[in-house]
Structures are given as structure tokens and as C-alpha cells.
């Protein structure tokens, strides 16, 4: 699955499209130049159980590492992924 990124310096999203439809999405907002806040994650029922949500969080972690920023996961799903995945904790606030 190809995870795409749209961001404009104020807000952004990691998402997956299938047949022109967004089937998974994780949104975030910038909170200053060195921090993003993940605020929402949604995955289509057809992708449930395929770790798509975790893949979206992983993309955010890679993005944070590349940009040398931190993540505050306010979304309950993203927060749970960070709790269960110790190797992602280096980008947490």
C-alpha cells in the first residue's frame, strides 16, 4: 500500500487511496516548527486487521525523524500504537 502525505505547514495527513477513494487517513496539525499533534486516525472496514493504522503511525514516525521533530499523539489510536511500540518512542514529546 502506498501511503501518501499532504501537508501545508499548518496541518497535514498521511493517507491511502484505493480507486480514487481515501480508505485510510491519519491527520495532524503543526504545533510550532518542531512538533506535530496527531489528532485523528480512520481506517476503512475493508482494511481492518491489516495493520494499516500502525503503518500510518510508522510513516509519521519516519517523517518526524527525517524532519527532526516530535510527535504528540492525542488520537487514542495513535497513542495506543506508541504505547505498544517502544521503537517509536524516540519521537514522542
PDB file of N, CA and C in Angstrom:
ATOM      1  N   UNK A   1       0.828  -1.183   0.000  1.00  0.00           N
ATOM      2  CA  UNK A   1       0.000   0.000   0.000  1.00  0.00           C
ATOM      3  C   UNK A   1       0.869   1.241   0.000  1.00  0.00           C
ATOM      4  N   UNK A   2       0.463   2.190  -0.790  1.00  0.00           N
ATOM      5  CA  UNK A   2       1.218   3.427  -0.931  1.00  0.00           C
ATOM      6  C   UNK A   2       0.642   4.481   0.008  1.00  0.00           C
ATOM      7  N   UNK A   3       1.419   4.847   1.017  1.00  0.00           N
ATOM      8  CA  UNK A   3       0.979   5.885   1.949  1.00  0.00           C
ATOM      9  C   UNK A   3       1.472   7.218   1.424  1.00  0.00           C
ATOM     10  N   UNK A   4       0.532   8.136   1.253  1.00  0.00           N
ATOM     11  CA  UNK A   4       0.844   9.459   0.735  1.00  0.00           C
ATOM     12  C   UNK A   4       0.803  10.485   1.864  1.00  0.00           C
ATOM     13  N   UNK A   5       1.416  11.626   1.608  1.00  0.00           N
ATOM     14  CA  UNK A   5       1.445  12.724   2.575  1.00  0.00           C
ATOM     15  C   UNK A   5       1.007  14.002   1.891  1.00  0.00           C
ATOM     16  N   UNK A   6       0.100  14.715   2.525  1.00  0.00           N
ATOM     17  CA  UNK A   6      -0.259  16.087   2.160  1.00  0.00           C
ATOM     18  C   UNK A   6      -0.031  16.925   3.394  1.00  0.00           C
ATOM     19  N   UNK A   7       0.704  18.024   3.269  1.00  0.00           N
ATOM     20  CA  UNK A   7       0.854  18.932   4.405  1.00  0.00           C
ATOM     21  C   UNK A   7       1.197  20.310   3.881  1.00  0.00           C
ATOM     22  N   UNK A   8       0.728  21.320   4.611  1.00  0.00           N
ATOM     23  CA  UNK A   8       0.893  22.698   4.150  1.00  0.00           C
ATOM     24  C   UNK A   8       1.608  23.599   5.148  1.00  0.00           C
ATOM     25  N   UNK A   9       2.257  22.999   6.144  1.00  0.00           N
ATOM     26  CA  UNK A   9       2.939  23.795   7.161  1.00  0.00           C
ATOM     27  C   UNK A   9       2.052  24.137   8.347  1.00  0.00           C
ATOM     28  N   UNK A  10       0.742  23.920   8.222  1.00  0.00           N
ATOM     29  CA  UNK A  10      -0.195  24.147   9.318  1.00  0.00           C
ATOM     30  C   UNK A  10      -0.858  22.846   9.745  1.00  0.00           C
ATOM     31  N   UNK A  11      -1.212  22.037   8.769  1.00  0.00           N
ATOM     32  CA  UNK A  11      -1.838  20.748   9.049  1.00  0.00           C
ATOM     33  C   UNK A  11      -1.457  19.782   7.938  1.00  0.00           C
ATOM     34  N   UNK A  12      -1.752  18.512   8.178  1.00  0.00           N
ATOM     35  CA  UNK A  12      -1.405  17.525   7.164  1.00  0.00           C
ATOM     36  C   UNK A  12      -2.106  16.210   7.417  1.00  0.00           C
ATOM     37  N   UNK A  13      -1.818  15.267   6.523  1.00  0.00           N
ATOM     38  CA  UNK A  13      -2.398  13.942   6.674  1.00  0.00           C
ATOM     39  C   UNK A  13      -1.558  12.924   5.927  1.00  0.00           C
ATOM     40  N   UNK A  14      -1.502  11.743   6.496  1.00  0.00           N
ATOM     41  CA  UNK A  14      -0.965  10.568   5.828  1.00  0.00           C
ATOM     42  C   UNK A  14      -2.193   9.779   5.411  1.00  0.00           C
ATOM     43  N   UNK A  15      -2.230   9.305   4.169  1.00  0.00           N
ATOM     44  CA  UNK A  15      -3.435   8.641   3.706  1.00  0.00           C
ATOM     45  C   UNK A  15      -3.133   7.609   2.632  1.00  0.00           C
ATOM     46  N   UNK A  16      -4.107   6.721   2.437  1.00  0.00           N
ATOM     47  CA  UNK A  16      -4.048   5.680   1.411  1.00  0.00           C
ATOM     48  C   UNK A  16      -5.304   5.814   0.565  1.00  0.00           C
ATOM     49  N   UNK A  17      -5.116   5.814  -0.732  1.00  0.00           N
ATOM     50  CA  UNK A  17      -6.237   5.852  -1.659  1.00  0.00           C
ATOM     51  C   UNK A  17      -6.359   4.522  -2.381  1.00  0.00           C
ATOM     52  N   UNK A  18      -7.586   4.167  -2.686  1.00  0.00           N
ATOM     53  CA  UNK A  18      -7.868   2.989  -3.490  1.00  0.00           C
ATOM     54  C   UNK A  18      -9.022   3.335  -4.413  1.00  0.00           C
ATOM     55  N   UNK A  19      -8.805   3.193  -5.694  1.00  0.00           N
ATOM     56  CA  UNK A  19      -9.827   3.522  -6.694  1.00  0.00           C
ATOM     57  C   UNK A  19     -10.357   4.939  -6.514  1.00  0.00           C
ATOM     58  N   UNK A  20      -9.463   5.885  -6.229  1.00  0.00           N
ATOM     59  CA  UNK A  20      -9.848   7.286  -6.095  1.00  0.00           C
ATOM     60  C   UNK A  20     -10.531   7.650  -4.790  1.00  0.00           C
ATOM     61  N   UNK A  21     -10.613   6.702  -3.871  1.00  0.00           N
ATOM     62  CA  UNK A  21     -11.268   6.933  -2.582  1.00  0.00           C
ATOM     63  C   UNK A  21     -10.245   6.794  -1.457  1.00  0.00           C
ATOM     64  N   UNK A  22     -10.283   7.706  -0.481  1.00  0.00           N
ATOM     65  CA  UNK A  22      -9.414   7.595   0.690  1.00  0.00           C
ATOM     66  C   UNK A  22      -9.949   6.473   1.569  1.00  0.00           C
ATOM     67  N   UNK A  23      -9.118   5.456   1.799  1.00  0.00           N
ATOM     68  CA  UNK A  23      -9.542   4.296   2.595  1.00  0.00           C
ATOM     69  C   UNK A  23      -8.872   4.239   3.971  1.00  0.00           C
ATOM     70  N   UNK A  24      -7.880   5.101   4.174  1.00  0.00           N
ATOM     71  CA  UNK A  24      -7.221   5.195   5.483  1.00  0.00           C
ATOM     72  C   UNK A  24      -6.601   6.580   5.579  1.00  0.00           C
ATOM     73  N   UNK A  25      -6.693   7.165   6.782  1.00  0.00           N
ATOM     74  CA  UNK A  25      -6.184   8.530   6.936  1.00  0.00           C
ATOM     75  C   UNK A  25      -5.813   8.792   8.385  1.00  0.00           C
ATOM     76  N   UNK A  26      -4.705   9.479   8.571  1.00  0.00           N
ATOM     77  CA  UNK A  26      -4.298   9.958   9.884  1.00  0.00           C
ATOM     78  C   UNK A  26      -3.949  11.426   9.728  1.00  0.00           C
ATOM     79  N   UNK A  27      -4.632  12.284  10.474  1.00  0.00           N
ATOM     80  CA  UNK A  27      -4.426  13.718  10.339  1.00  0.00           C
ATOM     81  C   UNK A  27      -3.586  14.259  11.491  1.00  0.00           C
ATOM     82  N   UNK A  28      -2.927  15.384  11.210  1.00  0.00           N
ATOM     83  CA  UNK A  28      -2.120  16.045  12.228  1.00  0.00           C
ATOM     84  C   UNK A  28      -2.129  17.545  12.004  1.00  0.00           C
ATOM     85  N   UNK A  29      -1.763  18.271  13.049  1.00  0.00           N
ATOM     86  CA  UNK A  29      -1.586  19.719  12.971  1.00  0.00           C
ATOM     87  C   UNK A  29      -0.190  20.052  13.471  1.00  0.00           C
ATOM     88  N   UNK A  30       0.393  21.080  12.884  1.00  0.00           N
ATOM     89  CA  UNK A  30       1.684  21.565  13.355  1.00  0.00           C
ATOM     90  C   UNK A  30       1.447  22.402  14.615  1.00  0.00           C
ATOM     91  N   UNK A  31       2.273  22.208  15.622  1.00  0.00           N
ATOM     92  CA  UNK A  31       2.219  22.977  16.868  1.00  0.00           C
ATOM     93  C   UNK A  31       3.588  23.622  17.047  1.00  0.00           C
ATOM     94  N   UNK A  32       3.882  24.583  16.198  1.00  0.00           N
ATOM     95  CA  UNK A  32       5.202  25.199  16.181  1.00  0.00           C
ATOM     96  C   UNK A  32       6.079  24.507  15.162  1.00  0.00           C
ATOM     97  N   UNK A  33       7.313  24.941  15.043  1.00  0.00           N
ATOM     98  CA  UNK A  33       8.195  24.413  13.996  1.00  0.00           C
ATOM     99  C   UNK A  33       8.778  23.033  14.268  1.00  0.00           C
ATOM    100  N   UNK A  34       8.646  22.537  15.493  1.00  0.00           N
ATOM    101  CA  UNK A  34       9.317  21.285  15.848  1.00  0.00           C
ATOM    102  C   UNK A  34       8.390  20.219  16.428  1.00  0.00           C
ATOM    103  N   UNK A  35       7.072  20.361  16.196  1.00  0.00           N
ATOM    104  CA  UNK A  35       6.138  19.413  16.804  1.00  0.00           C
ATOM    105  C   UNK A  35       4.883  19.291  15.947  1.00  0.00           C
ATOM    106  N   UNK A  36       4.406  18.031  15.808  1.00  0.00           N
ATOM    107  CA  UNK A  36       3.090  17.804  15.234  1.00  0.00           C
ATOM    108  C   UNK A  36       2.231  17.082  16.258  1.00  0.00           C
ATOM    109  N   UNK A  37       0.921  17.312  16.142  1.00  0.00           N
ATOM    110  CA  UNK A  37      -0.048  16.650  17.005  1.00  0.00           C
ATOM    111  C   UNK A  37      -0.920  15.772  16.119  1.00  0.00           C
ATOM    112  N   UNK A  38      -0.866  14.469  16.342  1.00  0.00           N
ATOM    113  CA  UNK A  38      -1.742  13.545  15.619  1.00  0.00           C
ATOM    114  C   UNK A  38      -3.108  13.610  16.304  1.00  0.00           C
ATOM    115  N   UNK A  39      -4.131  13.981  15.529  1.00  0.00           N
ATOM    116  CA  UNK A  39      -5.437  14.198  16.142  1.00  0.00           C
ATOM    117  C   UNK A  39      -6.535  13.239  15.698  1.00  0.00           C
ATOM    118  N   UNK A  40      -6.298  12.462  14.640  1.00  0.00           N
ATOM    119  CA  UNK A  40      -7.373  11.584  14.185  1.00  0.00           C
ATOM    120  C   UNK A  40      -6.816  10.498  13.271  1.00  0.00           C
ATOM    121  N   UNK A  41      -7.344   9.297  13.417  1.00  0.00           N
ATOM    122  CA  UNK A  41      -6.996   8.182  12.530  1.00  0.00           C
ATOM    123  C   UNK A  41      -8.275   7.434  12.192  1.00  0.00           C
ATOM    124  N   UNK A  42      -8.431   7.113  10.918  1.00  0.00           N
ATOM    125  CA  UNK A  42      -9.586   6.328  10.489  1.00  0.00           C
ATOM    126  C   UNK A  42      -9.129   5.366   9.394  1.00  0.00           C
ATOM    127  N   UNK A  43      -9.604   4.126   9.489  1.00  0.00           N
ATOM    128  CA  UNK A  43      -9.276   3.093   8.509  1.00  0.00           C
ATOM    129  C   UNK A  43     -10.583   2.437   8.074  1.00  0.00           C
ATOM    130  N   UNK A  44     -10.771   2.320   6.764  1.00  0.00           N
ATOM    131  CA  UNK A  44     -11.962   1.693   6.209  1.00  0.00           C
ATOM    132  C   UNK A  44     -12.089   0.259   6.723  1.00  0.00           C
ATOM    133  N   UNK A  45     -13.323  -0.181   6.910  1.00  0.00           N
ATOM    134  CA  UNK A  45     -13.588  -1.531   7.424  1.00  0.00           C
ATOM    135  C   UNK A  45     -12.945  -2.613   6.559  1.00  0.00           C
ATOM    136  N   UNK A  46     -12.800  -2.360   5.264  1.00  0.00           N
ATOM    137  CA  UNK A  46     -12.205  -3.361   4.370  1.00  0.00           C
ATOM    138  C   UNK A  46     -10.731  -3.609   4.672  1.00  0.00           C
ATOM    139  N   UNK A  47     -10.092  -2.697   5.418  1.00  0.00           N
ATOM    140  CA  UNK A  47      -8.674  -2.840   5.742  1.00  0.00           C
ATOM    141  C   UNK A  47      -8.437  -3.202   7.204  1.00  0.00           C
ATOM    142  N   UNK A  48      -9.493  -3.378   7.964  1.00  0.00           N
ATOM    143  CA  UNK A  48      -9.354  -3.716   9.378  1.00  0.00           C
ATOM    144  C   UNK A  48      -8.559  -5.011   9.527  1.00  0.00           C
ATOM    145  N   UNK A  49      -7.686  -5.049  10.526  1.00  0.00           N
ATOM    146  CA  UNK A  49      -6.903  -6.242  10.803  1.00  0.00           C
ATOM    147  C   UNK A  49      -5.660  -6.396   9.939  1.00  0.00           C
ATOM    148  N   UNK A  50      -5.343  -5.401   9.126  1.00  0.00           N
ATOM    149  CA  UNK A  50      -4.178  -5.479   8.235  1.00  0.00           C
ATOM    150  C   UNK A  50      -3.051  -4.541   8.662  1.00  0.00           C
ATOM    151  N   UNK A  51      -3.123  -4.059   9.894  1.00  0.00           N
ATOM    152  CA  UNK A  51      -2.105  -3.164  10.457  1.00  0.00           C
ATOM    153  C   UNK A  51      -1.925  -1.870   9.679  1.00  0.00           C
ATOM    154  N   UNK A  52      -2.951  -1.439   8.971  1.00  0.00           N
ATOM    155  CA  UNK A  52      -2.866  -0.213   8.184  1.00  0.00           C
ATOM    156  C   UNK A  52      -2.709   1.002   9.097  1.00  0.00           C
ATOM    157  N   UNK A  53      -3.444   1.033  10.197  1.00  0.00           N
ATOM    158  CA  UNK A  53      -3.312   2.143  11.139  1.00  0.00           C
ATOM    159  C   UNK A  53      -1.897   2.254  11.678  1.00  0.00           C
ATOM    160  N   UNK A  54      -1.306   1.128  12.025  1.00  0.00           N
ATOM    161  CA  UNK A  54       0.069   1.140  12.517  1.00  0.00           C
ATOM    162  C   UNK A  54       1.027   1.613  11.430  1.00  0.00           C
ATOM    163  N   UNK A  55       0.765   1.255  10.191  1.00  0.00           N
ATOM    164  CA  UNK A  55       1.606   1.714   9.082  1.00  0.00           C
ATOM    165  C   UNK A  55       1.525   3.235   8.930  1.00  0.00           C
ATOM    166  N   UNK A  56       0.343   3.804   9.135  1.00  0.00           N
ATOM    167  CA  UNK A  56       0.206   5.263   9.085  1.00  0.00           C
ATOM    168  C   UNK A  56       1.031   5.923  10.190  1.00  0.00           C
ATOM    169  N   UNK A  57       0.938   5.363  11.396  1.00  0.00           N
ATOM    170  CA  UNK A  57       1.735   5.901  12.508  1.00  0.00           C
ATOM    171  C   UNK A  57       3.223   5.765  12.198  1.00  0.00           C
ATOM    172  N   UNK A  58       3.623   4.634  11.640  1.00  0.00           N
ATOM    173  CA  UNK A  58       5.026   4.435  11.284  1.00  0.00           C
ATOM    174  C   UNK A  58       5.497   5.504  10.290  1.00  0.00           C
ATOM    175  N   UNK A  59       4.664   5.837   9.324  1.00  0.00           N
ATOM    176  CA  UNK A  59       5.028   6.895   8.364  1.00  0.00           C
ATOM    177  C   UNK A  59       5.221   8.225   9.083  1.00  0.00           C
ATOM    178  N   UNK A  60       4.377   8.507  10.069  1.00  0.00           N
ATOM    179  CA  UNK A  60       4.525   9.733  10.844  1.00  0.00           C
ATOM    180  C   UNK A  60       5.841   9.731  11.621  1.00  0.00           C
ATOM    181  N   UNK A  61       6.207   8.575  12.149  1.00  0.00           N
ATOM    182  CA  UNK A  61       7.476   8.443  12.883  1.00  0.00           C
ATOM    183  C   UNK A  61       8.656   8.687  11.938  1.00  0.00           C
ATOM    184  N   UNK A  62       8.607   8.099  10.754  1.00  0.00           N
ATOM    185  CA  UNK A  62       9.680   8.321   9.771  1.00  0.00           C
ATOM    186  C   UNK A  62       9.764   9.790   9.381  1.00  0.00           C
ATOM    187  N   UNK A  63       8.616  10.420   9.194  1.00  0.00           N
ATOM    188  CA  UNK A  63       8.539  11.844   8.871  1.00  0.00           C
ATOM    189  C   UNK A  63       9.177  12.673   9.992  1.00  0.00           C
ATOM    190  N   UNK A  64       8.825  12.353  11.233  1.00  0.00           N
ATOM    191  CA  UNK A  64       9.363  13.083  12.381  1.00  0.00           C
ATOM    192  C   UNK A  64      10.876  12.922  12.486  1.00  0.00           C
ATOM    193  N   UNK A  65      11.352  11.729  12.262  1.00  0.00           N
ATOM    194  CA  UNK A  65      12.804  11.502  12.313  1.00  0.00           C
ATOM    195  C   UNK A  65      13.518  12.275  11.214  1.00  0.00           C
ATOM    196  N   UNK A  66      12.940  12.260  10.014  1.00  0.00           N
ATOM    197  CA  UNK A  66      13.554  12.961   8.886  1.00  0.00           C
ATOM    198  C   UNK A  66      13.593  14.471   9.125  1.00  0.00           C
ATOM    199  N   UNK A  67      12.510  15.019   9.684  1.00  0.00           N
ATOM    200  CA  UNK A  67      12.401  16.466   9.916  1.00  0.00           C
ATOM    201  C   UNK A  67      12.971  16.892  11.265  1.00  0.00           C
ATOM    202  N   UNK A  68      13.377  15.906  12.070  1.00  0.00           N
ATOM    203  CA  UNK A  68      13.895  16.157  13.416  1.00  0.00           C
ATOM    204  C   UNK A  68      12.882  16.929  14.263  1.00  0.00           C
ATOM    205  N   UNK A  69      11.663  16.387  14.290  1.00  0.00           N
ATOM    206  CA  UNK A  69      10.581  16.971  15.075  1.00  0.00           C
ATOM    207  C   UNK A  69      10.044  15.927  16.045  1.00  0.00           C
ATOM    208  N   UNK A  70       9.113  16.346  16.878  1.00  0.00           N
ATOM    209  CA  UNK A  70       8.489  15.465  17.871  1.00  0.00           C
ATOM    210  C   UNK A  70       6.997  15.307  17.566  1.00  0.00           C
ATOM    211  N   UNK A  71       6.421  14.246  18.123  1.00  0.00           N
ATOM    212  CA  UNK A  71       5.011  13.950  17.924  1.00  0.00           C
ATOM    213  C   UNK A  71       4.295  13.885  19.268  1.00  0.00           C
ATOM    214  N   UNK A  72       3.132  14.516  19.323  1.00  0.00           N
ATOM    215  CA  UNK A  72       2.215  14.380  20.450  1.00  0.00           C
ATOM    216  C   UNK A  72       0.967  13.667  19.915  1.00  0.00           C
ATOM    217  N   UNK A  73       0.760  12.395  20.286  1.00  0.00           N
ATOM    218  CA  UNK A  73      -0.388  11.646  19.767  1.00  0.00           C
ATOM    219  C   UNK A  73      -1.635  11.843  20.635  1.00  0.00           C
ATOM    220  N   UNK A  74      -2.478  12.788  20.281  1.00  0.00           N
ATOM    221  CA  UNK A  74      -3.729  12.985  21.016  1.00  0.00           C
ATOM    222  C   UNK A  74      -4.811  12.011  20.564  1.00  0.00           C
ATOM    223  N   UNK A  75      -4.692  11.504  19.364  1.00  0.00           N
ATOM    224  CA  UNK A  75      -5.613  10.487  18.861  1.00  0.00           C
ATOM    225  C   UNK A  75      -5.432   9.226  19.705  1.00  0.00           C
ATOM    226  N   UNK A  76      -6.509   8.684  20.269  1.00  0.00           N
ATOM    227  CA  UNK A  76      -6.386   7.488  21.112  1.00  0.00           C
ATOM    228  C   UNK A  76      -5.750   6.299  20.389  1.00  0.00           C
ATOM    229  N   UNK A  77      -6.063   6.117  19.123  1.00  0.00           N
ATOM    230  CA  UNK A  77      -5.479   5.006  18.380  1.00  0.00           C
ATOM    231  C   UNK A  77      -3.971   5.185  18.252  1.00  0.00           C
ATOM    232  N   UNK A  78      -3.539   6.361  17.797  1.00  0.00           N
ATOM    233  CA  UNK A  78      -2.102   6.617  17.636  1.00  0.00           C
ATOM    234  C   UNK A  78      -1.378   6.505  18.971  1.00  0.00           C
ATOM    235  N   UNK A  79      -1.993   7.011  20.017  1.00  0.00           N
ATOM    236  CA  UNK A  79      -1.395   6.919  21.350  1.00  0.00           C
ATOM    237  C   UNK A  79      -1.191   5.461  21.755  1.00  0.00           C
ATOM    238  N   UNK A  80      -2.176   4.621  21.462  1.00  0.00           N
ATOM    239  CA  UNK A  80      -2.063   3.190  21.792  1.00  0.00           C
ATOM    240  C   UNK A  80      -0.933   2.539  21.004  1.00  0.00           C
ATOM    241  N   UNK A  81      -0.764   2.916  19.751  1.00  0.00           N
ATOM    242  CA  UNK A  81       0.328   2.363  18.939  1.00  0.00           C
ATOM    243  C   UNK A  81       1.672   2.759  19.530  1.00  0.00           C
ATOM    244  N   UNK A  82       1.810   4.021  19.935  1.00  0.00           N
ATOM    245  CA  UNK A  82       3.065   4.452  20.552  1.00  0.00           C
ATOM    246  C   UNK A  82       3.333   3.692  21.842  1.00  0.00           C
ATOM    247  N   UNK A  83       2.300   3.429  22.625  1.00  0.00           N
ATOM    248  CA  UNK A  83       2.458   2.686  23.873  1.00  0.00           C
ATOM    249  C   UNK A  83       2.932   1.264  23.609  1.00  0.00           C
ATOM    250  N   UNK A  84       2.418   0.640  22.543  1.00  0.00           N
ATOM    251  CA  UNK A  84       2.737  -0.749  22.225  1.00  0.00           C
ATOM    252  C   UNK A  84       4.014  -0.924  21.406  1.00  0.00           C
ATOM    253  N   UNK A  85       4.598   0.182  20.940  1.00  0.00           N
ATOM    254  CA  UNK A  85       5.742   0.096  20.030  1.00  0.00           C
ATOM    255  C   UNK A  85       6.905   0.917  20.578  1.00  0.00           C
ATOM    256  N   UNK A  86       7.723   0.323  21.428  1.00  0.00           N
ATOM    257  CA  UNK A  86       8.813   1.067  22.067  1.00  0.00           C
ATOM    258  C   UNK A  86       9.780   1.722  21.076  1.00  0.00           C
ATOM    259  N   UNK A  87       9.967   1.123  19.908  1.00  0.00           N
ATOM    260  CA  UNK A  87      10.924   1.690  18.949  1.00  0.00           C
ATOM    261  C   UNK A  87      10.442   3.000  18.331  1.00  0.00           C
ATOM    262  N   UNK A  88       9.193   3.400  18.592  1.00  0.00           N
ATOM    263  CA  UNK A  88       8.680   4.676  18.090  1.00  0.00           C
ATOM    264  C   UNK A  88       8.851   5.794  19.123  1.00  0.00           C
ATOM    265  N   UNK A  89       9.201   5.449  20.334  1.00  0.00           N
ATOM    266  CA  UNK A  89       9.176   6.423  21.435  1.00  0.00           C
ATOM    267  C   UNK A  89      10.219   7.539  21.314  1.00  0.00           C
ATOM    268  N   UNK A  90      11.193   7.376  20.435  1.00  0.00           N
ATOM    269  CA  UNK A  90      12.226   8.414  20.305  1.00  0.00           C
ATOM    270  C   UNK A  90      11.681   9.721  19.747  1.00  0.00           C
ATOM    271  N   UNK A  91      10.517   9.700  19.113  1.00  0.00           N
ATOM    272  CA  UNK A  91       9.954  10.924  18.549  1.00  0.00           C
ATOM    273  C   UNK A  91       8.835  11.521  19.415  1.00  0.00           C
ATOM    274  N   UNK A  92       8.485  10.851  20.520  1.00  0.00           N
ATOM    275  CA  UNK A  92       7.431  11.349  21.393  1.00  0.00           C
ATOM    276  C   UNK A  92       7.873  12.569  22.177  1.00  0.00           C
ATOM    277  N   UNK A  93       6.902  13.392  22.488  1.00  0.00           N
ATOM    278  CA  UNK A  93       7.161  14.540  23.364  1.00  0.00           C
ATOM    279  C   UNK A  93       7.096  14.042  24.789  1.00  0.00           C
TER     280      UNK A  93
END
